[in-house]
Amino acid sequence: MASAAATTAVPSGPVPFKDVDDGTVPEHTPKEEFGDLVAALPRRQQSILELRLYQGFWLPEHWVPGTVVFQRRFAPRPDDVVLASYPKCGTTWLKALAFAAAARAAHPPAAPGHPLRRLNPHDCVPFIDEIFAAGEEAKLDALPSPRLMNTHLPCTLLPTPVTAGGCRVVYVCRDPKDMVVSLWHFLRRTKPDLSFDETFESVCDGTVAAGPVWDHVLSYWRASVARPDRVLFLKYEDLLRDTGANVRRLAEFMGRPFTAAEEAAGDVAAVVELCSFDEMKGLEVNKAGSGTAGRYRAMPRDAFFRKGVAGDWANHMTPEMAARLDRIVREKLQGTGLAFA
């Protein structure tokens, strides 16, 4: 008789990261290893974050050692998919859509027990840079292929094997005016007295986490123009306008296109419904308590589900502020073929 080990099927990914992260992987920190490097970098305080200028971008100080290790040691698998975004540009939604679309064979989106009904999207798709910052890269090795991962790093800071086409990358961007509003609300969850003007000014002068924003966006835009087969560039506003069409694009890009039978069965609509803002915000797992896998362990879970709309900037920003940020972004993007409406 064959042994149980021989007959047990190896799980096929993507699987929820939290289901694999059982806490048994020993942690080590690269902070001490690269302490001198970090200390020598230009420093700037932005709200609750201490930033360091690393290779042209202002990164939270605790990201830098992990970024160095990530750049030097990460080995992508050919079927990996890296979900990238500037903070507060649709990260949580992209994670949910990508996971639901990629894992639908094992987890039908309409199933009551779907992982996204019991786990926050950040528990399903891990932040790579946070994993390396905590010295927990062995956890990535435990994930079965294909792996879904996320980063807030710009494309130019990704490891060379990734930017050379070693795996697929999906990037989502957002109107910078709405991003500023969302970022301010998010940061206020830990610093309630943070002024909107302070957040706005840090974005305008580029000294914001993972900024300058325009350089971050352009790094992925240029990569998508050069390698559209390896980098998919999405806009949050387009996702809002026609979620179904973009879910189809996303699934096809990840190598898991919807079949005619799935289309007829309504699977695309089921993914859209499962990952809709109202559906996700209403789930108990996304309302109660704090703590998720990875970067946001201390953030309240409901901080990731505020409004999920476009145009909310008009409720927070004066016309003069909006015109100023639009002008800065327009000048930075001039001649690239990318524009925000």
Foldseek 3Di string as FASTA:
>chain_A
DDDPVVPDDDDADDFFLLVLPPPPQDWDACCVVCVVVLVPFDWDDAQPFIWGQDPRATAGSLLVSLLVCQQVPDDAAALEEEEEEAPQFCVQLVLLLLRCLVCCVVPQLVDPPHPLLQARSCRRADENSLCSRGRNCVSVVSGHPPHYYYYHAAPVSGHPCLLVQSYAYEYEGEDVLSSLVLVVLLSCQVVVVDDSVSSLVCQLVFNDHNTVPLVRLVSLLVSCVVCVLRYHYHYLVVCVVCVLVVSQVSCVSSVHHDDPVCVVVCRSVSSCVCSPLVNSLPRPNQQDDAAHPGDGGPGRSVSVRDPSDPDCSVVPDDPVSVVSVQVSSCVSCPPVPDHDD
